Amino acid sequence: MMKKVLKFGGTSVGTIERIQHVAKIIKRDYDAGNKIIVVVSAMAGQTNDLIQLSKSIANDFSKRELDVLLSTGEQITCALLAGALKKININAQSWLNWQIPILTEGDHTNSRIVNMNVSKINNFINEGVAVVPGFQGISKNGEITTIGRGGSDASAVAFAKLFNADSCEIYTDVDGVFSSDPNKIPVAKKIDRISYDEMLELSSLGAKVIQSSAVQTAMMYNIPLQVRSTFTDRKGTTIFDHENIDYSKSVTGVAYSKNDAKITLIGVEDKPGIAANIFEPLNKAQINVDMVIQNISSDQKTTDITFTIKRDDLKMTKDILNNNQKIKYKNITHNDKVAKVSIVGAGMVSTPGVTYKMFKALADDKINILAISTSEIKLSVIIDEENTLNAVKKLHTIFELD
């Protein structure tokens, strides 16, 4: 007998028919004698619909009320799935975030789970299936909070951690983790086994199959993860600890994202502390800065500083820079038509020539590199957005991932 957390995403529960299908998947695990906690997302498209309703009231709709509104999506799925399980003679019960409770801290729309009361659900799963909402919780002040888009993955891993589950299975609309986006790269292949480190890089760089914060938590607490399809019985992808990393292949996958923007400050005074003065107010505004490149001028008195941010933060970033009295620069430029393309692989550590091979492949296709960022198992470049698909296809082929 195992204690398992099963998480079903929005596409998996997108219709009544799909919810009934999910109920049969859960029944199969339950009949095998396992103790089951099910974490659900809102039905596909429902969160977007709720956001649009809020915008019909006001573009600056209260974040507190937005959390109250958005949390209803998962509540609906919980009730429908519990009802579907009861229909097929499974003792099931839905639980709202405050009934458990799922305790969170942080700001509205961007909180994180810190703890939960496990006693009620632990008692119940001895005799039935508990269905709980992802993406949300309740603060110490009794306020409903949400943990960001895609947060149901993080919820599932938090449940697996706090309930000491034997496994956490993420059900989605694809067969597992692929070497690239199979919708854009038809020759992409499913990865049977991947390390936490590699999966964390891929998910943070644009691979949407599982949320990066969920992978990070799983890695910290060594929680076994499996990503698999709701709609087929094919074996999924197992995500495991670093001791089992396969170093034989230099690159495991190619990821990309199109939600980045590049900013360059030209002619910045070159003196100690200037970089801190630039990025301190961005940090206070919770703007995530990714790649940073600094070029010293020939006179060594000024420098150009280029960095990337999320595209949605572009206007706020420019306003902050324009109002920053601690820095002086000649000009500021930006480009919001860029994409980030990355290769990821544990084998990059021990394989020489990976950097050259990537740059040569892009150069052969006349794709200009605008910025570069590296880590031990990742190499990312910023390129013009229009070249994204060509770059991904080229790298996928050149590193023998087709």
Protein backbone atom coordinates (compact mmCIF):
# COMPACT_ATOMS: atom_id res chain seq x y z
CA MET A 1 0.00 0.00 0.00
CA MET A 2 1.27 3.44 -0.95
CA LYS A 3 0.23 6.97 -0.08
CA LYS A 4 0.01 8.87 -3.37
CA VAL A 5 -0.72 12.43 -4.44
CA LEU A 6 -2.33 12.63 -7.89
CA LYS A 7 -2.55 16.05 -9.52
CA PHE A 8 -4.79 16.73 -12.53
CA GLY A 9 -4.31 19.89 -14.59
CA GLY A 10 -6.91 22.06 -16.27
CA THR A 11 -7.01 20.16 -19.56
CA SER A 12 -7.40 16.86 -17.69
CA VAL A 13 -10.59 18.15 -16.03
CA GLY A 14 -11.70 20.48 -18.84
CA THR A 15 -15.11 18.86 -19.42
CA ILE A 16 -17.57 16.68 -17.52
CA GLU A 17 -16.55 13.73 -19.68
CA ARG A 18 -12.90 14.28 -18.77
CA ILE A 19 -13.72 14.59 -15.08
CA GLN A 20 -15.54 11.24 -15.30
CA HIS A 21 -12.47 9.77 -17.03
CA VAL A 22 -10.21 11.11 -14.26
CA ALA A 23 -12.48 9.47 -11.69
CA LYS A 24 -11.80 6.10 -13.35
CA ILE A 25 -8.03 6.69 -13.19
CA ILE A 26 -8.31 7.45 -9.48
CA LYS A 27 -10.50 4.36 -8.92
CA ARG A 28 -7.82 2.16 -10.48
CA ASP A 29 -5.23 3.41 -7.93
CA TYR A 30 -7.71 3.28 -5.05
CA ASP A 31 -8.80 -0.29 -5.85
CA ALA A 32 -5.12 -1.28 -5.80
CA GLY A 33 -5.17 -0.46 -2.08
CA ASN A 34 -3.44 2.92 -2.17
CA LYS A 35 -4.29 5.94 -0.03
CA ILE A 36 -5.10 8.77 -2.41
CA ILE A 37 -5.04 12.56 -2.17
CA VAL A 38 -6.14 14.27 -5.40
CA VAL A 39 -5.07 17.86 -6.16
CA VAL A 40 -7.02 19.59 -8.95
CA SER A 41 -6.76 22.69 -11.10
CA ALA A 42 -9.65 24.76 -12.40
CA MET A 43 -11.29 23.47 -15.58
CA ALA A 44 -9.35 24.56 -18.69
CA GLY A 45 -10.03 28.20 -19.55
CA GLN A 46 -11.96 28.95 -16.37
CA THR A 47 -9.21 30.96 -14.67
CA ASN A 48 -8.85 33.14 -17.78
CA ASP A 49 -12.62 33.66 -17.86
CA LEU A 50 -12.58 34.76 -14.22
CA ILE A 51 -9.72 37.18 -14.89
CA GLN A 52 -11.70 38.68 -17.77
CA LEU A 53 -14.70 39.12 -15.47
CA SER A 54 -12.50 41.04 -13.03
CA LYS A 55 -11.19 43.24 -15.83
CA SER A 56 -14.75 44.04 -16.89
CA ILE A 57 -15.09 45.68 -13.48
CA ALA A 58 -11.68 47.39 -13.38
CA ASN A 59 -8.21 46.95 -14.84
CA ASP A 60 -6.77 47.50 -11.36
CA PHE A 61 -9.20 45.06 -9.71
CA SER A 62 -8.37 44.49 -6.05
CA LYS A 63 -5.83 41.67 -5.63
CA ARG A 64 -7.61 40.52 -2.50
CA GLU A 65 -10.90 40.17 -4.34
CA LEU A 66 -9.14 38.60 -7.31
CA ASP A 67 -7.86 35.82 -5.06
CA VAL A 68 -11.38 35.26 -3.73
CA LEU A 69 -12.67 35.13 -7.32
CA LEU A 70 -9.95 32.89 -8.81
CA SER A 71 -10.06 30.36 -5.96
CA THR A 72 -13.60 29.39 -7.00
CA GLY A 73 -12.28 27.65 -10.14
CA GLU A 74 -10.58 24.84 -8.21
CA GLN A 75 -13.50 24.62 -5.78
CA ILE A 76 -15.84 23.82 -8.67
CA THR A 77 -13.54 21.06 -9.93
CA CYS A 78 -13.23 19.59 -6.42
CA ALA A 79 -16.98 19.26 -6.01
CA LEU A 80 -17.54 17.85 -9.50
CA LEU A 81 -14.75 15.27 -9.20
CA ALA A 82 -15.84 14.18 -5.71
CA GLY A 83 -19.34 13.76 -7.10
CA ALA A 84 -18.03 11.73 -10.05
CA LEU A 85 -16.13 9.44 -7.67
CA LYS A 86 -19.22 8.91 -5.53
CA LYS A 87 -21.15 8.00 -8.70
CA ILE A 88 -18.78 5.05 -9.25
CA ASN A 89 -19.05 3.97 -5.59
CA ILE A 90 -15.84 5.54 -4.27
CA ASN A 91 -16.14 7.23 -0.89
CA ALA A 92 -14.83 10.72 -1.72
CA GLN A 93 -14.99 14.16 -0.18
CA SER A 94 -13.90 17.59 -1.38
CA TRP A 95 -12.08 20.00 0.94
CA LEU A 96 -11.78 23.76 0.50
CA ASN A 97 -8.55 25.52 1.39
CA TRP A 98 -9.86 26.87 4.70
CA GLN A 99 -11.34 23.52 5.75
CA ILE A 100 -7.96 21.77 5.80
CA PRO A 101 -6.52 24.50 6.23
CA ILE A 102 -3.73 25.15 3.69
CA LEU A 103 -1.63 27.86 5.33
CA THR A 104 0.15 30.43 3.16
CA GLU A 105 2.29 33.52 3.51
CA GLY A 106 3.11 36.33 1.11
CA ASP A 107 1.21 38.75 -1.07
CA HIS A 108 -2.17 38.21 -2.70
CA THR A 109 -1.87 36.45 -6.09
CA ASN A 110 1.72 35.46 -5.24
CA SER A 111 1.76 33.62 -1.91
CA ARG A 112 3.38 30.30 -1.03
CA ILE A 113 2.29 27.28 1.00
CA VAL A 114 4.13 26.98 4.33
CA ASN A 115 2.11 24.37 6.21
CA MET A 116 -1.23 22.60 6.50
CA ASN A 117 -3.20 20.56 9.01
CA VAL A 118 -2.82 16.94 7.97
CA SER A 119 -4.94 15.20 10.62
CA LYS A 120 -8.43 15.43 9.04
CA ILE A 121 -7.34 14.24 5.62
CA ASN A 122 -5.01 11.57 7.00
CA ASN A 123 -7.94 10.13 8.91
CA PHE A 124 -10.24 10.31 5.90
CA ILE A 125 -7.95 8.64 3.34
CA ASN A 126 -8.02 5.47 5.42
CA GLU A 127 -11.55 5.01 4.12
CA GLY A 128 -11.86 7.18 0.99
CA VAL A 129 -10.34 9.62 -1.50
CA ALA A 130 -9.68 13.24 -0.51
CA VAL A 131 -10.08 15.83 -3.30
CA VAL A 132 -8.36 19.15 -2.58
CA PRO A 133 -7.86 22.43 -4.49
CA GLY A 134 -4.52 23.42 -5.94
CA PHE A 135 -3.29 26.98 -6.47
CA GLN A 136 -4.58 28.41 -3.19
CA GLY A 137 -4.57 28.59 0.58
CA ILE A 138 -5.41 30.83 3.49
CA SER A 139 -3.19 33.32 5.32
CA LYS A 140 -2.64 33.62 9.06
CA ASN A 141 -5.13 36.50 8.94
CA GLY A 142 -7.82 34.29 7.41
CA GLU A 143 -7.48 35.75 3.89
CA ILE A 144 -7.88 33.54 0.82
CA THR A 145 -4.67 33.69 -1.22
CA THR A 146 -3.45 32.17 -4.49
CA ILE A 147 0.08 31.07 -5.34
CA GLY A 148 0.45 32.17 -8.96
CA ARG A 149 -0.50 30.72 -12.33
CA GLY A 150 0.37 27.05 -12.63
CA GLY A 151 0.46 26.85 -8.83
CA SER A 152 -1.42 23.57 -8.62
CA ASP A 153 1.85 21.74 -9.33
CA ALA A 154 3.41 23.46 -6.32
CA SER A 155 0.33 22.57 -4.27
CA ALA A 156 0.66 18.90 -5.21
CA VAL A 157 4.32 18.76 -4.20
CA ALA A 158 3.53 20.56 -0.93
CA PHE A 159 0.86 17.94 -0.15
CA ALA A 160 3.31 15.15 -1.01
CA LYS A 161 5.90 16.68 1.31
CA LEU A 162 3.63 17.42 4.28
CA PHE A 163 1.73 14.12 4.07
CA ASN A 164 4.94 12.09 3.57
CA ALA A 165 3.55 10.61 0.35
CA ASP A 166 5.41 7.83 -1.39
CA SER A 167 4.97 9.48 -4.79
CA CYS A 168 3.54 12.51 -6.55
CA GLU A 169 2.09 12.01 -10.04
CA ILE A 170 1.41 15.02 -12.27
CA TYR A 171 -1.26 14.19 -14.88
CA THR A 172 -1.37 16.44 -17.93
CA ASP A 173 -2.28 16.40 -21.64
CA VAL A 174 1.11 15.10 -22.87
CA ASP A 175 2.83 11.75 -22.32
CA GLY A 176 5.61 13.24 -20.21
CA VAL A 177 8.57 15.60 -20.52
CA PHE A 178 9.84 16.00 -24.09
CA SER A 179 13.19 17.14 -25.48
CA SER A 180 11.34 20.23 -26.77
CA ASP A 181 7.76 21.39 -27.31
CA PRO A 182 6.16 18.50 -29.25
CA ASN A 183 3.49 20.83 -30.60
CA LYS A 184 6.17 22.91 -32.37
CA ILE A 185 8.87 20.28 -32.89
CA PRO A 186 7.15 17.09 -34.13
CA VAL A 187 10.42 15.12 -33.92
CA ALA A 188 10.82 15.89 -30.20
CA LYS A 189 11.00 12.70 -28.17
CA LYS A 190 9.78 11.81 -24.71
CA ILE A 191 12.41 11.69 -21.99
CA ASP A 192 11.94 8.61 -19.79
CA ARG A 193 14.16 9.81 -16.93
CA ILE A 194 15.44 13.28 -16.08
CA SER A 195 17.16 14.75 -13.04
CA TYR A 196 15.64 17.40 -10.78
CA ASP A 197 18.40 19.80 -11.86
CA GLU A 198 17.71 19.39 -15.56
CA MET A 199 13.94 19.58 -15.11
CA LEU A 200 14.28 22.70 -12.97
CA GLU A 201 16.28 24.41 -15.70
CA LEU A 202 13.88 23.34 -18.46
CA SER A 203 10.76 24.41 -16.55
CA SER A 204 12.25 27.78 -15.58
CA LEU A 205 13.31 28.38 -19.19
CA GLY A 206 9.93 27.87 -20.80
CA ALA A 207 9.02 24.18 -20.72
CA LYS A 208 5.45 24.32 -19.44
CA VAL A 209 4.86 20.70 -18.48
CA ILE A 210 5.53 21.31 -14.76
CA GLN A 211 6.00 24.45 -12.67
CA SER A 212 9.60 25.25 -11.70
CA SER A 213 8.81 25.94 -8.02
CA ALA A 214 7.23 22.48 -7.79
CA VAL A 215 10.40 20.88 -9.13
CA GLN A 216 12.52 22.91 -6.73
CA THR A 217 10.50 21.77 -3.71
CA ALA A 218 10.60 18.15 -4.90
CA MET A 219 14.37 18.39 -5.28
CA MET A 220 14.83 19.90 -1.80
CA TYR A 221 12.86 17.11 -0.12
CA ASN A 222 13.66 14.28 -2.56
CA ILE A 223 10.01 13.72 -3.45
CA PRO A 224 9.62 11.23 -6.34
CA LEU A 225 7.82 12.89 -9.26
CA GLN A 226 6.23 11.39 -12.33
CA VAL A 227 4.72 13.32 -15.24
CA ARG A 228 2.23 11.32 -17.31
CA SER A 229 -0.76 11.69 -19.60
CA THR A 230 -4.37 11.61 -18.46
CA PHE A 231 -5.42 10.35 -21.87
CA THR A 232 -3.06 7.42 -22.55
CA ASP A 233 -1.63 4.54 -20.54
CA ARG A 234 1.90 5.13 -21.82
CA LYS A 235 4.75 5.32 -19.35
CA GLY A 236 5.49 8.92 -18.35
CA THR A 237 8.68 10.71 -17.29
CA THR A 238 10.31 10.05 -13.94
CA ILE A 239 12.07 13.00 -12.28
CA PHE A 240 14.72 11.85 -9.81
CA ASP A 241 17.71 12.91 -7.70
CA HIS A 242 21.13 13.97 -8.97
CA GLU A 243 22.81 10.70 -7.99
CA ASN A 244 21.19 9.07 -11.03
CA ILE A 245 22.09 11.73 -13.61
CA ASP A 246 23.09 10.38 -17.00
CA TYR A 247 26.21 12.28 -18.09
CA SER A 248 26.57 10.41 -21.38
CA LYS A 249 24.41 12.85 -23.34
CA SER A 250 25.60 16.46 -23.44
CA VAL A 251 22.15 18.01 -24.06
CA THR A 252 18.85 16.66 -22.75
CA GLY A 253 16.44 19.26 -24.10
CA VAL A 254 15.90 22.59 -25.84
CA ALA A 255 13.54 25.13 -24.25
CA TYR A 256 12.37 28.56 -25.29
CA SER A 257 10.23 31.43 -24.06
CA LYS A 258 8.76 34.43 -25.82
CA ASN A 259 7.85 36.56 -22.83
CA ASP A 260 11.18 38.36 -22.39
CA ALA A 261 12.31 41.93 -23.10
CA LYS A 262 15.80 43.40 -23.32
CA ILE A 263 16.81 46.79 -21.89
CA THR A 264 20.12 48.58 -22.43
CA LEU A 265 21.38 51.57 -20.44
CA ILE A 266 23.93 53.40 -22.63
CA GLY A 267 26.72 55.55 -21.21
CA VAL A 268 26.28 54.69 -17.55
CA GLU A 269 28.87 56.24 -15.24
CA ASP A 270 31.39 53.49 -14.41
CA LYS A 271 32.01 53.51 -10.66
CA PRO A 272 31.57 51.13 -7.72
CA GLY A 273 27.98 50.65 -6.61
CA ILE A 274 26.33 51.77 -9.85
CA ALA A 275 24.98 48.29 -10.66
CA ALA A 276 23.49 48.01 -7.18
CA ASN A 277 21.84 51.43 -7.63
CA ILE A 278 20.29 50.24 -10.91
CA PHE A 279 18.93 46.93 -9.67
CA GLU A 280 17.95 47.79 -6.07
CA PRO A 281 14.65 49.55 -6.98
CA LEU A 282 13.84 46.77 -9.47
CA ASN A 283 14.29 44.25 -6.68
CA LYS A 284 11.99 46.25 -4.40
CA ALA A 285 9.36 46.22 -7.16
CA GLN A 286 9.74 42.41 -7.38
CA ILE A 287 10.93 42.61 -10.99
CA ASN A 288 12.96 39.55 -11.87
CA VAL A 289 16.17 40.38 -13.76
CA ASP A 290 17.63 37.52 -15.78
CA MET A 291 20.67 38.00 -18.03
CA VAL A 292 23.06 40.91 -17.32
CA ILE A 293 25.84 42.04 -19.69
CA GLN A 294 28.22 44.94 -19.04
CA ASN A 295 30.49 46.48 -21.68
CA ILE A 296 33.16 48.95 -20.57
CA SER A 297 33.81 51.82 -23.01
CA SER A 298 37.30 52.51 -24.39
CA ASP A 299 37.72 55.54 -22.12
CA GLN A 300 36.88 53.34 -19.11
CA LYS A 301 34.67 56.11 -17.70
CA THR A 302 31.29 54.85 -18.89
CA THR A 303 29.71 51.46 -19.47
CA ASP A 304 26.69 50.00 -21.25
CA ILE A 305 24.56 47.66 -19.16
CA THR A 306 22.12 45.28 -20.84
CA PHE A 307 19.69 43.04 -18.96
CA THR A 308 16.53 41.04 -19.60
CA ILE A 309 13.22 41.01 -17.77
CA LYS A 310 9.76 39.58 -18.32
CA ARG A 311 7.92 41.43 -21.08
CA ASP A 312 5.00 42.27 -18.79
CA ASP A 313 7.40 44.20 -16.53
CA LEU A 314 8.82 46.39 -19.31
CA LYS A 315 6.77 49.55 -18.70
CA MET A 316 7.26 49.43 -14.94
CA THR A 317 11.00 48.85 -15.37
CA LYS A 318 11.39 51.82 -17.71
CA ASP A 319 9.44 54.05 -15.32
CA ILE A 320 11.65 52.98 -12.41
CA LEU A 321 14.84 53.61 -14.38
CA ASN A 322 13.65 57.00 -15.62
CA ASN A 323 12.84 58.08 -12.06
CA ASN A 324 16.01 56.71 -10.50
CA GLN A 325 17.98 59.70 -9.23
CA LYS A 326 20.98 57.58 -8.18
CA ILE A 327 22.09 56.74 -11.73
CA LYS A 328 23.13 58.76 -14.76
CA TYR A 329 23.14 57.50 -18.33
CA LYS A 330 23.06 58.93 -21.86
CA ASN A 331 20.23 56.87 -23.28
CA ILE A 332 17.96 53.88 -22.66
CA THR A 333 16.83 51.44 -25.35
CA HIS A 334 14.58 48.41 -25.24
CA ASN A 335 13.52 45.50 -27.42
CA ASP A 336 10.36 43.54 -26.59
CA LYS A 337 10.48 41.36 -29.70
CA VAL A 338 13.07 38.90 -28.39
CA ALA A 339 13.02 35.28 -27.30
CA LYS A 340 15.17 33.19 -25.00
CA VAL A 341 16.39 29.86 -26.39
CA SER A 342 18.23 27.45 -24.09
CA ILE A 343 19.93 24.08 -24.18
CA VAL A 344 19.97 22.02 -20.96
CA GLY A 345 21.90 18.90 -20.06
CA ALA A 346 23.86 17.47 -17.15
CA GLY A 347 26.43 16.15 -19.62
CA MET A 348 27.45 19.70 -20.57
CA VAL A 349 29.68 19.72 -17.48
CA SER A 350 31.98 17.08 -18.92
CA THR A 351 31.54 17.65 -22.67
CA PRO A 352 33.88 20.18 -24.33
CA GLY A 353 32.76 22.22 -27.32
CA VAL A 354 29.04 22.53 -26.49
CA THR A 355 29.17 26.34 -26.49
CA TYR A 356 30.96 26.48 -29.85
CA LYS A 357 28.57 23.92 -31.33
CA MET A 358 25.52 25.98 -30.30
CA PHE A 359 26.93 29.31 -31.51
CA LYS A 360 28.12 27.81 -34.80
CA ALA A 361 24.70 26.26 -35.45
CA LEU A 362 22.96 29.61 -34.93
CA ALA A 363 25.54 31.45 -37.02
CA ASP A 364 25.05 28.99 -39.89
CA ASP A 365 21.37 29.98 -39.93
CA LYS A 366 22.33 33.68 -39.71
CA ILE A 367 20.70 34.04 -36.28
CA ASN A 368 22.25 36.87 -34.28
CA ILE A 369 22.86 36.43 -30.54
CA LEU A 370 21.85 39.46 -28.46
CA ALA A 371 22.74 38.21 -24.97
CA ILE A 372 24.18 35.08 -23.33
CA SER A 373 23.72 33.41 -19.96
CA THR A 374 25.32 30.19 -18.71
CA SER A 375 25.34 27.77 -15.81
CA GLU A 376 26.90 24.33 -15.35
CA ILE A 377 24.03 22.56 -17.13
CA LYS A 378 22.43 25.39 -19.14
CA LEU A 379 23.31 27.75 -21.97
CA SER A 380 20.77 30.43 -22.90
CA VAL A 381 20.79 33.08 -25.61
CA ILE A 382 18.52 35.99 -26.45
CA ILE A 383 17.65 36.23 -30.15
CA ASP A 384 15.10 38.05 -32.31
CA GLU A 385 11.69 36.54 -31.69
CA GLU A 386 11.08 35.82 -35.38
CA ASN A 387 13.98 33.33 -35.38
CA THR A 388 12.76 31.29 -32.41
CA LEU A 389 11.38 28.21 -34.14
CA ASN A 390 14.28 27.96 -36.60
CA ALA A 391 16.76 28.17 -33.73
CA VAL A 392 14.99 25.51 -31.67
CA LYS A 393 14.75 23.12 -34.65
CA LYS A 394 18.40 23.65 -35.55
CA LEU A 395 19.66 23.05 -32.00
CA HIS A 396 17.37 20.06 -31.56
CA THR A 397 18.94 18.48 -34.63
CA ILE A 398 22.56 19.50 -34.05
CA PHE A 399 22.53 17.94 -30.56
CA GLU A 400 20.96 14.73 -31.89
CA LEU A 401 17.64 15.04 -30.07
CA ASP A 402 15.37 14.36 -33.08
